[in-house]
N, C-alpha and C. Protein backbone atom coordinates (compact mmCIF):
# COMPACT_ATOMS: atom_id res chain seq x y z
N UNK A 1 119.22 79.78 62.23
CA UNK A 1 118.74 80.98 62.90
C UNK A 1 117.22 81.11 62.80
N UNK A 2 116.70 80.81 61.60
CA UNK A 2 115.26 80.88 61.46
C UNK A 2 114.56 79.86 62.35
N UNK A 3 115.14 78.67 62.42
CA UNK A 3 114.54 77.63 63.25
C UNK A 3 114.55 78.06 64.71
N UNK A 4 115.61 78.72 65.14
CA UNK A 4 115.70 79.14 66.52
C UNK A 4 114.67 80.20 66.85
N UNK A 5 114.26 80.96 65.83
CA UNK A 5 113.32 82.06 66.08
C UNK A 5 111.87 81.59 66.11
N UNK A 6 111.62 80.38 65.68
CA UNK A 6 110.25 79.87 65.66
C UNK A 6 109.82 79.50 67.08
N UNK A 7 108.68 80.01 67.51
CA UNK A 7 108.18 79.71 68.85
C UNK A 7 107.79 78.24 68.95
N UNK A 8 108.03 77.62 70.11
CA UNK A 8 107.65 76.22 70.27
C UNK A 8 106.14 76.05 70.15
N UNK A 9 105.72 74.99 69.55
CA UNK A 9 104.30 74.74 69.36
C UNK A 9 103.67 74.31 70.68
N UNK A 10 102.46 74.81 70.92
CA UNK A 10 101.74 74.41 72.13
C UNK A 10 101.35 72.94 72.02
N UNK A 11 101.31 72.24 73.15
CA UNK A 11 100.89 70.83 73.11
C UNK A 11 99.50 70.68 72.52
N UNK A 12 99.28 69.64 71.76
CA UNK A 12 97.97 69.39 71.18
C UNK A 12 96.98 69.00 72.28
N UNK A 13 95.69 69.07 71.96
CA UNK A 13 94.66 68.67 72.93
C UNK A 13 94.85 67.21 73.31
N UNK A 14 95.20 66.37 72.34
CA UNK A 14 95.42 64.95 72.64
C UNK A 14 96.55 64.76 73.64
N UNK A 15 97.64 65.53 73.46
CA UNK A 15 98.76 65.43 74.39
C UNK A 15 98.37 65.91 75.78
N UNK A 16 97.57 66.97 75.84
CA UNK A 16 97.14 67.49 77.14
C UNK A 16 96.22 66.50 77.85
N UNK A 17 95.32 65.88 77.11
CA UNK A 17 94.41 64.90 77.70
C UNK A 17 95.20 63.70 78.20
N UNK A 18 96.18 63.26 77.42
CA UNK A 18 97.02 62.14 77.85
C UNK A 18 97.79 62.50 79.12
N UNK A 19 98.31 63.72 79.18
CA UNK A 19 99.03 64.16 80.37
C UNK A 19 98.12 64.16 81.59
N UNK A 20 96.88 64.61 81.43
CA UNK A 20 95.95 64.62 82.56
C UNK A 20 95.60 63.20 83.01
N UNK A 21 95.42 62.30 82.04
CA UNK A 21 95.12 60.91 82.40
C UNK A 21 96.29 60.26 83.12
N UNK A 22 97.49 60.41 82.56
CA UNK A 22 98.67 59.79 83.16
C UNK A 22 98.99 60.41 84.52
N UNK A 23 98.85 61.74 84.61
CA UNK A 23 99.15 62.40 85.88
C UNK A 23 98.19 61.99 86.98
N UNK A 24 96.90 61.92 86.65
CA UNK A 24 95.92 61.52 87.66
C UNK A 24 96.09 60.05 88.02
N UNK A 25 96.39 59.22 87.02
CA UNK A 25 96.69 57.81 87.29
C UNK A 25 97.85 57.69 88.28
N UNK A 26 98.94 58.40 88.00
CA UNK A 26 100.11 58.31 88.86
C UNK A 26 99.83 58.85 90.26
N UNK A 27 99.06 59.94 90.33
CA UNK A 27 98.73 60.52 91.64
C UNK A 27 97.94 59.54 92.49
N UNK A 28 96.92 58.92 91.90
CA UNK A 28 96.13 57.95 92.66
C UNK A 28 96.94 56.71 93.00
N UNK A 29 97.82 56.30 92.10
CA UNK A 29 98.71 55.18 92.39
C UNK A 29 99.57 55.48 93.61
N UNK A 30 100.09 56.71 93.68
CA UNK A 30 100.91 57.12 94.82
C UNK A 30 100.09 57.16 96.10
N UNK A 31 98.93 57.80 96.05
CA UNK A 31 98.10 57.96 97.24
C UNK A 31 97.66 56.60 97.78
N UNK A 32 97.14 55.75 96.91
CA UNK A 32 96.62 54.46 97.35
C UNK A 32 97.74 53.49 97.67
N UNK A 33 98.76 53.43 96.79
CA UNK A 33 99.86 52.52 97.03
C UNK A 33 100.61 52.83 98.32
N UNK A 34 100.88 54.10 98.57
CA UNK A 34 101.58 54.46 99.80
C UNK A 34 100.70 54.20 101.02
N UNK A 35 99.38 54.34 100.85
CA UNK A 35 98.48 54.02 101.95
C UNK A 35 98.50 52.54 102.29
N UNK A 36 98.53 51.71 101.27
CA UNK A 36 98.60 50.26 101.50
C UNK A 36 99.91 49.90 102.19
N UNK A 37 101.02 50.41 101.68
CA UNK A 37 102.32 50.13 102.29
C UNK A 37 102.39 50.66 103.71
N UNK A 38 101.90 51.87 103.92
CA UNK A 38 101.94 52.47 105.25
C UNK A 38 101.13 51.64 106.25
N UNK A 39 99.97 51.19 105.83
CA UNK A 39 99.12 50.39 106.73
C UNK A 39 99.80 49.07 107.08
N UNK A 40 100.50 48.47 106.11
CA UNK A 40 101.17 47.19 106.36
C UNK A 40 102.36 47.34 107.31
N UNK A 41 103.05 48.47 107.23
CA UNK A 41 104.30 48.62 107.98
C UNK A 41 104.15 49.38 109.29
N UNK A 42 103.00 50.02 109.51
CA UNK A 42 102.86 50.91 110.67
C UNK A 42 102.50 50.19 111.96
N UNK A 43 102.20 48.90 111.87
CA UNK A 43 101.87 48.15 113.08
C UNK A 43 100.63 48.65 113.78
N UNK A 44 99.68 49.16 113.02
CA UNK A 44 98.44 49.64 113.60
C UNK A 44 98.49 51.07 114.09
N UNK A 45 99.63 51.74 113.95
CA UNK A 45 99.76 53.14 114.37
C UNK A 45 99.24 54.03 113.24
N UNK A 46 98.02 54.53 113.40
CA UNK A 46 97.38 55.31 112.34
C UNK A 46 98.13 56.60 112.04
N UNK A 47 98.70 57.21 113.08
CA UNK A 47 99.44 58.47 112.86
C UNK A 47 100.65 58.24 111.97
N UNK A 48 101.38 57.16 112.21
CA UNK A 48 102.55 56.85 111.38
C UNK A 48 102.12 56.54 109.96
N UNK A 49 101.02 55.81 109.82
CA UNK A 49 100.52 55.47 108.49
C UNK A 49 100.11 56.74 107.73
N UNK A 50 99.44 57.66 108.42
CA UNK A 50 99.03 58.90 107.77
C UNK A 50 100.23 59.74 107.38
N UNK A 51 101.24 59.77 108.25
CA UNK A 51 102.45 60.54 107.95
C UNK A 51 103.13 59.99 106.69
N UNK A 52 103.27 58.67 106.63
CA UNK A 52 103.90 58.07 105.46
C UNK A 52 103.10 58.33 104.20
N UNK A 53 101.77 58.22 104.30
CA UNK A 53 100.89 58.47 103.17
C UNK A 53 101.01 59.92 102.70
N UNK A 54 101.06 60.84 103.65
CA UNK A 54 101.17 62.27 103.31
C UNK A 54 102.50 62.59 102.65
N UNK A 55 103.60 62.06 103.20
CA UNK A 55 104.91 62.36 102.63
C UNK A 55 105.04 61.84 101.20
N UNK A 56 104.54 60.63 100.97
CA UNK A 56 104.60 60.07 99.62
C UNK A 56 103.76 60.90 98.66
N UNK A 57 102.60 61.35 99.11
CA UNK A 57 101.73 62.16 98.25
C UNK A 57 102.38 63.49 97.91
N UNK A 58 102.98 64.14 98.90
CA UNK A 58 103.67 65.42 98.67
C UNK A 58 104.77 65.25 97.62
N UNK A 59 105.60 64.23 97.79
CA UNK A 59 106.68 64.01 96.84
C UNK A 59 106.19 63.68 95.46
N UNK A 60 105.23 62.78 95.37
CA UNK A 60 104.69 62.39 94.06
C UNK A 60 104.00 63.54 93.36
N UNK A 61 103.22 64.31 94.11
CA UNK A 61 102.50 65.42 93.50
C UNK A 61 103.46 66.48 92.97
N UNK A 62 104.49 66.78 93.73
CA UNK A 62 105.48 67.76 93.29
C UNK A 62 106.12 67.35 91.96
N UNK A 63 106.55 66.10 91.88
CA UNK A 63 107.20 65.60 90.66
C UNK A 63 106.23 65.65 89.48
N UNK A 64 105.00 65.23 89.69
CA UNK A 64 104.03 65.19 88.60
C UNK A 64 103.71 66.59 88.07
N UNK A 65 103.59 67.56 88.98
CA UNK A 65 103.31 68.93 88.53
C UNK A 65 104.49 69.49 87.74
N UNK A 66 105.69 69.26 88.24
CA UNK A 66 106.88 69.74 87.53
C UNK A 66 106.98 69.11 86.14
N UNK A 67 106.69 67.84 86.05
CA UNK A 67 106.88 67.09 84.81
C UNK A 67 105.78 67.38 83.79
N UNK A 68 104.53 67.42 84.24
CA UNK A 68 103.41 67.50 83.30
C UNK A 68 102.77 68.88 83.24
N UNK A 69 103.15 69.78 84.13
CA UNK A 69 102.61 71.12 84.11
C UNK A 69 102.79 71.82 82.77
N UNK A 70 103.98 71.73 82.16
CA UNK A 70 104.17 72.39 80.86
C UNK A 70 103.31 71.80 79.73
N UNK A 71 102.79 70.60 79.93
CA UNK A 71 101.98 69.97 78.88
C UNK A 71 100.50 70.35 79.04
N UNK A 72 99.94 70.08 80.21
CA UNK A 72 98.49 70.24 80.39
C UNK A 72 98.10 71.23 81.46
N UNK A 73 99.07 71.76 82.19
CA UNK A 73 98.74 72.57 83.35
C UNK A 73 98.72 71.77 84.63
N UNK A 74 98.81 70.44 84.50
CA UNK A 74 98.86 69.53 85.66
C UNK A 74 97.71 69.78 86.62
N UNK A 75 96.48 69.76 86.09
CA UNK A 75 95.32 69.91 86.97
C UNK A 75 95.11 68.66 87.82
N UNK A 76 94.94 67.53 87.15
CA UNK A 76 94.67 66.23 87.79
C UNK A 76 93.45 66.31 88.71
N UNK A 77 92.54 67.22 88.43
CA UNK A 77 91.50 67.56 89.39
C UNK A 77 90.36 68.26 88.65
N UNK A 78 89.17 67.66 88.57
CA UNK A 78 88.06 68.30 87.86
C UNK A 78 87.67 69.66 88.43
N UNK A 79 87.80 69.85 89.75
CA UNK A 79 87.45 71.14 90.34
C UNK A 79 88.40 72.23 89.85
N UNK A 80 89.68 71.90 89.74
CA UNK A 80 90.66 72.86 89.23
C UNK A 80 90.39 73.15 87.76
N UNK A 81 90.12 72.12 86.98
CA UNK A 81 89.83 72.32 85.56
C UNK A 81 88.60 73.20 85.37
N UNK A 82 87.58 73.00 86.20
CA UNK A 82 86.37 73.80 86.11
C UNK A 82 86.67 75.27 86.41
N UNK A 83 87.47 75.52 87.44
CA UNK A 83 87.86 76.89 87.77
C UNK A 83 88.64 77.52 86.62
N UNK A 84 89.56 76.76 86.03
CA UNK A 84 90.35 77.29 84.92
C UNK A 84 89.47 77.59 83.70
N UNK A 85 88.44 76.77 83.48
CA UNK A 85 87.52 77.02 82.37
C UNK A 85 86.71 78.28 82.63
N UNK A 86 86.27 78.48 83.86
CA UNK A 86 85.52 79.68 84.22
C UNK A 86 86.37 80.92 84.00
N UNK A 87 87.65 80.83 84.31
CA UNK A 87 88.57 81.97 84.17
C UNK A 87 89.03 82.18 82.73
N UNK A 88 88.75 81.24 81.86
CA UNK A 88 89.20 81.35 80.48
C UNK A 88 90.60 80.82 80.25
N UNK A 89 91.21 80.23 81.28
CA UNK A 89 92.55 79.68 81.15
C UNK A 89 92.54 78.30 80.51
N UNK A 90 91.39 77.66 80.47
CA UNK A 90 91.20 76.37 79.80
C UNK A 90 90.04 76.52 78.84
N UNK A 91 90.23 76.20 77.56
CA UNK A 91 89.12 76.31 76.61
C UNK A 91 87.93 75.49 77.06
N UNK A 92 86.75 76.04 76.92
CA UNK A 92 85.54 75.33 77.35
C UNK A 92 85.44 73.96 76.69
N UNK A 93 85.87 73.87 75.42
CA UNK A 93 85.77 72.60 74.69
C UNK A 93 86.68 71.54 75.28
N UNK A 94 87.68 71.93 76.03
CA UNK A 94 88.62 70.97 76.62
C UNK A 94 88.19 70.50 78.00
N UNK A 95 87.18 71.15 78.58
CA UNK A 95 86.82 70.84 79.97
C UNK A 95 86.36 69.39 80.14
N UNK A 96 85.38 68.96 79.36
CA UNK A 96 84.89 67.59 79.52
C UNK A 96 85.95 66.54 79.19
N UNK A 97 86.74 66.71 78.12
CA UNK A 97 87.83 65.75 77.89
C UNK A 97 88.83 65.71 79.06
N UNK A 98 89.14 66.85 79.64
CA UNK A 98 90.03 66.87 80.80
C UNK A 98 89.43 66.07 81.95
N UNK A 99 88.16 66.34 82.26
CA UNK A 99 87.52 65.65 83.39
C UNK A 99 87.41 64.15 83.11
N UNK A 100 87.04 63.79 81.89
CA UNK A 100 86.97 62.37 81.55
C UNK A 100 88.31 61.67 81.72
N UNK A 101 89.37 62.32 81.26
CA UNK A 101 90.71 61.74 81.39
C UNK A 101 91.10 61.61 82.86
N UNK A 102 90.76 62.60 83.66
CA UNK A 102 91.09 62.55 85.09
C UNK A 102 90.36 61.41 85.80
N UNK A 103 89.08 61.22 85.49
CA UNK A 103 88.31 60.17 86.15
C UNK A 103 88.80 58.78 85.74
N UNK A 104 89.04 58.60 84.45
CA UNK A 104 89.56 57.31 83.99
C UNK A 104 90.94 57.05 84.59
N UNK A 105 91.79 58.07 84.58
CA UNK A 105 93.12 57.92 85.16
C UNK A 105 93.07 57.57 86.63
N UNK A 106 92.15 58.18 87.38
CA UNK A 106 92.03 57.90 88.81
C UNK A 106 91.66 56.44 89.06
N UNK A 107 90.71 55.94 88.30
CA UNK A 107 90.29 54.54 88.47
C UNK A 107 91.43 53.59 88.12
N UNK A 108 92.12 53.87 87.01
CA UNK A 108 93.24 53.00 86.62
C UNK A 108 94.38 53.08 87.63
N UNK A 109 94.58 54.23 88.24
CA UNK A 109 95.61 54.36 89.26
C UNK A 109 95.33 53.49 90.46
N UNK A 110 94.06 53.41 90.86
CA UNK A 110 93.68 52.53 91.97
C UNK A 110 93.96 51.08 91.61
N UNK A 111 93.58 50.68 90.39
CA UNK A 111 93.80 49.30 89.97
C UNK A 111 95.29 48.96 89.89
N UNK A 112 96.09 49.92 89.42
CA UNK A 112 97.53 49.67 89.32
C UNK A 112 98.15 49.52 90.70
N UNK A 113 97.71 50.31 91.65
CA UNK A 113 98.20 50.16 93.03
C UNK A 113 97.86 48.78 93.56
N UNK A 114 96.65 48.32 93.32
CA UNK A 114 96.25 46.98 93.77
C UNK A 114 97.13 45.91 93.12
N UNK A 115 97.39 46.06 91.83
CA UNK A 115 98.20 45.07 91.11
C UNK A 115 99.60 44.98 91.71
N UNK A 116 100.18 46.11 92.08
CA UNK A 116 101.53 46.09 92.64
C UNK A 116 101.59 45.38 93.98
N UNK A 117 100.48 45.39 94.72
CA UNK A 117 100.46 44.76 96.04
C UNK A 117 99.70 43.44 96.04
N UNK A 118 99.49 42.88 94.84
CA UNK A 118 98.83 41.57 94.71
C UNK A 118 97.45 41.54 95.37
N UNK A 119 96.71 42.62 95.22
CA UNK A 119 95.36 42.69 95.75
C UNK A 119 94.35 42.50 94.61
N UNK A 120 93.12 42.19 94.96
CA UNK A 120 92.06 42.10 93.97
C UNK A 120 91.93 43.44 93.26
N UNK A 121 91.94 43.42 91.95
CA UNK A 121 91.92 44.68 91.21
C UNK A 121 90.62 45.46 91.43
N UNK A 122 89.50 44.81 91.23
CA UNK A 122 88.21 45.48 91.32
C UNK A 122 87.65 45.29 92.73
N UNK A 123 87.59 46.39 93.45
CA UNK A 123 87.04 46.37 94.81
C UNK A 123 86.44 47.74 95.09
N UNK A 124 85.60 47.80 96.11
CA UNK A 124 85.00 49.07 96.51
C UNK A 124 85.27 49.31 97.99
N UNK A 125 85.51 50.53 98.35
CA UNK A 125 85.86 50.86 99.71
C UNK A 125 84.67 50.72 100.65
N UNK A 126 84.94 50.32 101.88
CA UNK A 126 83.92 50.29 102.93
C UNK A 126 84.20 51.36 103.98
N UNK A 127 85.16 52.26 103.68
CA UNK A 127 85.58 53.30 104.61
C UNK A 127 84.62 54.49 104.50
N UNK A 128 83.64 54.54 105.41
CA UNK A 128 82.66 55.63 105.39
C UNK A 128 83.32 56.91 105.89
N UNK A 129 83.18 57.96 105.10
CA UNK A 129 83.69 59.29 105.48
C UNK A 129 82.50 60.24 105.33
N UNK A 130 81.92 60.65 106.44
CA UNK A 130 80.72 61.45 106.39
C UNK A 130 80.64 62.37 107.59
N UNK A 131 79.74 63.33 107.51
CA UNK A 131 79.53 64.25 108.61
C UNK A 131 79.93 65.67 108.26
N UNK A 132 79.35 66.62 108.97
CA UNK A 132 79.58 68.04 108.69
C UNK A 132 81.05 68.41 108.76
N UNK A 133 81.76 67.87 109.73
CA UNK A 133 83.18 68.20 109.87
C UNK A 133 83.99 67.79 108.65
N UNK A 134 83.70 66.61 108.12
CA UNK A 134 84.40 66.14 106.93
C UNK A 134 84.08 67.02 105.72
N UNK A 135 82.83 67.41 105.57
CA UNK A 135 82.43 68.22 104.42
C UNK A 135 83.03 69.62 104.51
N UNK A 136 83.02 70.20 105.71
CA UNK A 136 83.65 71.51 105.89
C UNK A 136 85.14 71.41 105.58
N UNK A 137 85.75 70.33 106.02
CA UNK A 137 87.18 70.13 105.75
C UNK A 137 87.47 70.10 104.26
N UNK A 138 86.60 69.45 103.49
CA UNK A 138 86.81 69.39 102.04
C UNK A 138 86.61 70.76 101.39
N UNK A 139 85.67 71.54 101.90
CA UNK A 139 85.50 72.90 101.40
C UNK A 139 86.76 73.71 101.66
N UNK A 140 87.28 73.64 102.88
CA UNK A 140 88.47 74.40 103.25
C UNK A 140 89.68 73.96 102.44
N UNK A 141 89.88 72.63 102.34
CA UNK A 141 91.05 72.11 101.63
C UNK A 141 91.03 72.50 100.15
N UNK A 142 89.86 72.40 99.53
CA UNK A 142 89.77 72.71 98.10
C UNK A 142 89.85 74.21 97.85
N UNK A 143 89.22 75.00 98.69
CA UNK A 143 89.32 76.45 98.55
C UNK A 143 90.77 76.89 98.68
N UNK A 144 91.46 76.37 99.67
CA UNK A 144 92.86 76.71 99.86
C UNK A 144 93.71 76.29 98.68
N UNK A 145 93.43 75.09 98.15
CA UNK A 145 94.19 74.61 96.99
C UNK A 145 94.03 75.55 95.80
N UNK A 146 92.80 75.97 95.53
CA UNK A 146 92.55 76.86 94.40
C UNK A 146 93.24 78.20 94.60
N UNK A 147 93.19 78.74 95.80
CA UNK A 147 93.87 80.01 96.06
C UNK A 147 95.38 79.87 95.85
N UNK A 148 95.95 78.78 96.33
CA UNK A 148 97.39 78.55 96.13
C UNK A 148 97.71 78.46 94.64
N UNK A 149 96.93 77.70 93.90
CA UNK A 149 97.18 77.53 92.47
C UNK A 149 97.11 78.87 91.74
N UNK A 150 96.12 79.69 92.07
CA UNK A 150 95.91 80.94 91.34
C UNK A 150 96.89 82.04 91.74
N UNK A 151 97.44 81.95 92.95
CA UNK A 151 98.26 83.06 93.43
C UNK A 151 99.74 82.71 93.59
N UNK A 152 100.10 81.46 93.49
CA UNK A 152 101.51 81.08 93.65
C UNK A 152 102.34 81.58 92.48
N UNK A 153 103.55 82.08 92.73
CA UNK A 153 104.46 82.39 91.61
C UNK A 153 104.69 81.13 90.79
N UNK A 154 104.74 81.27 89.48
CA UNK A 154 104.80 80.11 88.59
C UNK A 154 105.92 79.15 88.97
N UNK A 155 107.10 79.67 89.24
CA UNK A 155 108.24 78.81 89.52
C UNK A 155 108.09 78.05 90.84
N UNK A 156 107.28 78.58 91.75
CA UNK A 156 107.15 77.96 93.07
C UNK A 156 105.84 77.19 93.23
N UNK A 157 104.98 77.23 92.21
CA UNK A 157 103.67 76.60 92.32
C UNK A 157 103.73 75.11 92.64
N UNK A 158 104.58 74.31 91.97
CA UNK A 158 104.59 72.88 92.31
C UNK A 158 104.88 72.61 93.78
N UNK A 159 105.86 73.30 94.33
CA UNK A 159 106.21 73.09 95.74
C UNK A 159 105.10 73.58 96.66
N UNK A 160 104.50 74.72 96.33
CA UNK A 160 103.47 75.28 97.19
C UNK A 160 102.20 74.44 97.17
N UNK A 161 101.82 73.94 95.99
CA UNK A 161 100.64 73.08 95.91
C UNK A 161 100.87 71.79 96.70
N UNK A 162 102.03 71.16 96.50
CA UNK A 162 102.33 69.93 97.22
C UNK A 162 102.38 70.18 98.73
N UNK A 163 102.94 71.31 99.14
CA UNK A 163 103.03 71.63 100.56
C UNK A 163 101.64 71.84 101.17
N UNK A 164 100.76 72.52 100.42
CA UNK A 164 99.39 72.72 100.93
C UNK A 164 98.68 71.39 101.14
N UNK A 165 98.77 70.50 100.16
CA UNK A 165 98.10 69.20 100.29
C UNK A 165 98.70 68.41 101.45
N UNK A 166 100.02 68.44 101.59
CA UNK A 166 100.65 67.73 102.69
C UNK A 166 100.21 68.26 104.04
N UNK A 167 100.15 69.59 104.17
CA UNK A 167 99.70 70.18 105.43
C UNK A 167 98.23 69.84 105.70
N UNK A 168 97.42 69.90 104.64
CA UNK A 168 95.99 69.67 104.81
C UNK A 168 95.67 68.21 105.16
N UNK A 169 96.57 67.29 104.85
CA UNK A 169 96.41 65.92 105.33
C UNK A 169 96.21 65.91 106.84
N UNK A 170 96.87 66.87 107.51
CA UNK A 170 96.93 66.86 108.97
C UNK A 170 95.99 67.84 109.64
N UNK A 171 95.67 68.97 108.99
CA UNK A 171 94.81 69.93 109.70
C UNK A 171 93.35 69.83 109.30
N UNK A 172 92.99 68.93 108.37
CA UNK A 172 91.58 68.73 108.03
C UNK A 172 91.10 67.38 108.55
N UNK A 173 89.82 67.34 108.88
CA UNK A 173 89.23 66.10 109.37
C UNK A 173 89.11 65.04 108.29
N UNK A 174 89.14 65.47 107.02
CA UNK A 174 88.93 64.55 105.91
C UNK A 174 90.23 64.02 105.31
N UNK A 175 91.37 64.48 105.82
CA UNK A 175 92.71 64.22 105.26
C UNK A 175 92.85 64.78 103.85
N UNK A 176 92.06 65.79 103.52
CA UNK A 176 92.28 66.61 102.33
C UNK A 176 92.29 65.85 101.01
N UNK A 177 91.12 65.36 100.59
CA UNK A 177 91.01 64.85 99.22
C UNK A 177 91.13 66.03 98.25
N UNK A 178 90.28 67.04 98.45
CA UNK A 178 90.32 68.30 97.69
C UNK A 178 90.28 68.09 96.17
N UNK A 179 89.63 67.00 95.74
CA UNK A 179 89.73 66.60 94.34
C UNK A 179 88.65 65.58 94.02
N UNK A 180 87.65 65.92 93.19
CA UNK A 180 86.62 64.94 92.84
C UNK A 180 87.17 63.69 92.17
N UNK A 181 88.23 63.81 91.37
CA UNK A 181 88.81 62.62 90.74
C UNK A 181 89.45 61.72 91.79
N UNK A 182 90.07 62.32 92.80
CA UNK A 182 90.66 61.51 93.88
C UNK A 182 89.57 60.77 94.64
N UNK A 183 88.46 61.46 94.92
CA UNK A 183 87.35 60.79 95.61
C UNK A 183 86.81 59.65 94.76
N UNK A 184 86.67 59.89 93.46
CA UNK A 184 86.18 58.86 92.55
C UNK A 184 87.12 57.66 92.52
N UNK A 185 88.42 57.91 92.35
CA UNK A 185 89.37 56.81 92.27
C UNK A 185 89.50 56.04 93.57
N UNK A 186 89.46 56.76 94.68
CA UNK A 186 89.66 56.11 95.98
C UNK A 186 88.47 55.27 96.42
N UNK A 187 87.32 55.46 95.80
CA UNK A 187 86.20 54.60 96.15
C UNK A 187 86.39 53.19 95.58
N UNK A 188 87.34 53.03 94.64
CA UNK A 188 87.63 51.72 94.07
C UNK A 188 88.71 50.98 94.86
N UNK A 189 89.03 51.44 96.06
CA UNK A 189 90.07 50.79 96.85
C UNK A 189 89.63 50.63 98.30
N UNK A 190 89.45 49.40 98.73
CA UNK A 190 89.10 49.14 100.13
C UNK A 190 90.38 49.06 100.95
N UNK A 191 91.07 50.20 101.02
CA UNK A 191 92.37 50.26 101.68
C UNK A 191 92.40 51.50 102.57
N UNK A 192 93.57 51.79 103.13
CA UNK A 192 93.74 52.91 104.05
C UNK A 192 93.24 54.22 103.45
N UNK A 193 93.45 54.43 102.16
CA UNK A 193 93.10 55.70 101.52
C UNK A 193 91.70 55.70 100.92
N UNK A 194 90.95 54.64 101.07
CA UNK A 194 89.66 54.51 100.39
C UNK A 194 88.56 55.37 100.97
N UNK A 195 87.50 55.50 100.20
CA UNK A 195 86.27 56.18 100.64
C UNK A 195 85.09 55.41 100.10
N UNK A 196 84.10 55.14 100.93
CA UNK A 196 82.93 54.38 100.51
C UNK A 196 82.18 55.13 99.41
N UNK A 197 81.69 54.42 98.40
CA UNK A 197 80.96 55.08 97.31
C UNK A 197 79.84 56.00 97.79
N UNK A 198 79.15 55.59 98.85
CA UNK A 198 78.03 56.41 99.35
C UNK A 198 78.51 57.74 99.92
N UNK A 199 79.78 57.83 100.29
CA UNK A 199 80.33 59.07 100.85
C UNK A 199 80.82 60.03 99.78
N UNK A 200 80.99 59.54 98.55
CA UNK A 200 81.62 60.34 97.50
C UNK A 200 80.79 61.55 97.06
N UNK A 201 79.46 61.42 96.81
CA UNK A 201 78.71 62.58 96.31
C UNK A 201 78.83 63.82 97.21
N UNK A 202 78.71 63.65 98.52
CA UNK A 202 78.81 64.80 99.43
C UNK A 202 80.21 65.40 99.38
N UNK A 203 81.24 64.55 99.26
CA UNK A 203 82.61 65.05 99.14
C UNK A 203 82.76 65.88 97.88
N UNK A 204 82.23 65.40 96.78
CA UNK A 204 82.37 66.12 95.51
C UNK A 204 81.64 67.47 95.58
N UNK A 205 80.45 67.48 96.14
CA UNK A 205 79.71 68.74 96.29
C UNK A 205 80.52 69.73 97.13
N UNK A 206 81.09 69.25 98.24
CA UNK A 206 81.89 70.12 99.09
C UNK A 206 83.12 70.63 98.35
N UNK A 207 83.75 69.77 97.57
CA UNK A 207 84.94 70.17 96.81
C UNK A 207 84.62 71.23 95.76
N UNK A 208 83.51 71.05 95.07
CA UNK A 208 83.13 72.05 94.06
C UNK A 208 82.78 73.38 94.72
N UNK A 209 82.09 73.31 95.85
CA UNK A 209 81.80 74.54 96.59
C UNK A 209 83.09 75.22 97.03
N UNK A 210 84.03 74.42 97.54
CA UNK A 210 85.31 74.98 97.95
C UNK A 210 86.07 75.60 96.80
N UNK A 211 86.00 74.98 95.63
CA UNK A 211 86.72 75.52 94.47
C UNK A 211 86.20 76.91 94.11
N UNK A 212 84.90 77.10 94.14
CA UNK A 212 84.36 78.41 93.79
C UNK A 212 84.57 79.43 94.91
N UNK A 213 84.61 78.97 96.15
CA UNK A 213 84.98 79.88 97.23
C UNK A 213 86.43 80.33 97.05
N UNK A 214 87.29 79.40 96.67
CA UNK A 214 88.69 79.76 96.42
C UNK A 214 88.82 80.77 95.30
N UNK A 215 88.05 80.59 94.22
CA UNK A 215 88.07 81.54 93.12
C UNK A 215 87.58 82.91 93.58
N UNK A 216 86.54 82.94 94.40
CA UNK A 216 86.02 84.20 94.92
C UNK A 216 87.07 84.89 95.80
N UNK A 217 87.73 84.13 96.65
CA UNK A 217 88.78 84.71 97.51
C UNK A 217 89.88 85.32 96.65
N UNK A 218 90.29 84.59 95.62
CA UNK A 218 91.32 85.11 94.71
C UNK A 218 90.89 86.44 94.10
N UNK A 219 89.64 86.53 93.67
CA UNK A 219 89.16 87.76 93.06
C UNK A 219 89.05 88.89 94.08
N UNK A 220 88.63 88.56 95.28
CA UNK A 220 88.53 89.58 96.33
C UNK A 220 89.91 90.12 96.70
N UNK A 221 90.90 89.25 96.70
CA UNK A 221 92.26 89.70 97.01
C UNK A 221 92.79 90.66 95.95
N UNK A 222 92.31 90.51 94.73
CA UNK A 222 92.71 91.41 93.65
C UNK A 222 91.82 92.66 93.59
N UNK A 223 90.72 92.66 94.36
CA UNK A 223 89.77 93.78 94.38
C UNK A 223 89.16 94.06 93.01
N UNK A 224 89.21 93.04 92.12
CA UNK A 224 88.65 93.22 90.79
C UNK A 224 88.58 91.87 90.12
N UNK A 225 87.82 91.74 89.02
CA UNK A 225 87.82 90.47 88.27
C UNK A 225 89.22 90.14 87.79
N UNK A 226 89.42 88.88 87.44
CA UNK A 226 90.73 88.43 86.98
C UNK A 226 91.22 89.30 85.84
N UNK A 227 92.49 89.67 85.87
CA UNK A 227 93.06 90.46 84.81
C UNK A 227 94.45 89.97 84.48
N UNK A 228 94.61 88.62 84.50
CA UNK A 228 95.93 88.04 84.23
C UNK A 228 96.37 88.37 82.81
């Protein structure tokens, strides 16, 4: 009886960092791997390839959030971690370890996808993604993602986050990276899902801007500062 009354211990920082690394690794593996498979099987039909890539990402992201959310919050995204740190939902001391784990996981996820398809492990994308439309798209996609994360009912958050990303694959010009770690990892893959290294800084700036716009929208909808 006494044992049953003891509250479960919160995951350690090491466990949370591991969850963020593994989750981001798996997410990038899904995004890049499904992009490679889609490109090989679509016969040059970009719409079919994008659809396959989006569906795989939606499914993978949903599973990863459900599985790892109780451990680390399932951020897998430096912009989300930064917003959570600003709100006090993530200890400031954990922010840099979270971001480091996400970036390392993203790079390893790209390499693992290449290994599964017998591709050269170390490569850089030549897929230039640039222009005002792409940057605006990343602002919109990331702002929307943050609003969904902050306002979704806890039990429905995994499905709603995955649904937003899946939809944004299609209604944004950038196919909705909405994640600095995703941009970082995808620059290591010269495949369907890749982004040229020179295009990454502008994407990250747009994503960070979008994250803070999303936080502002959330606060405006509450008509007051966060009071969770």
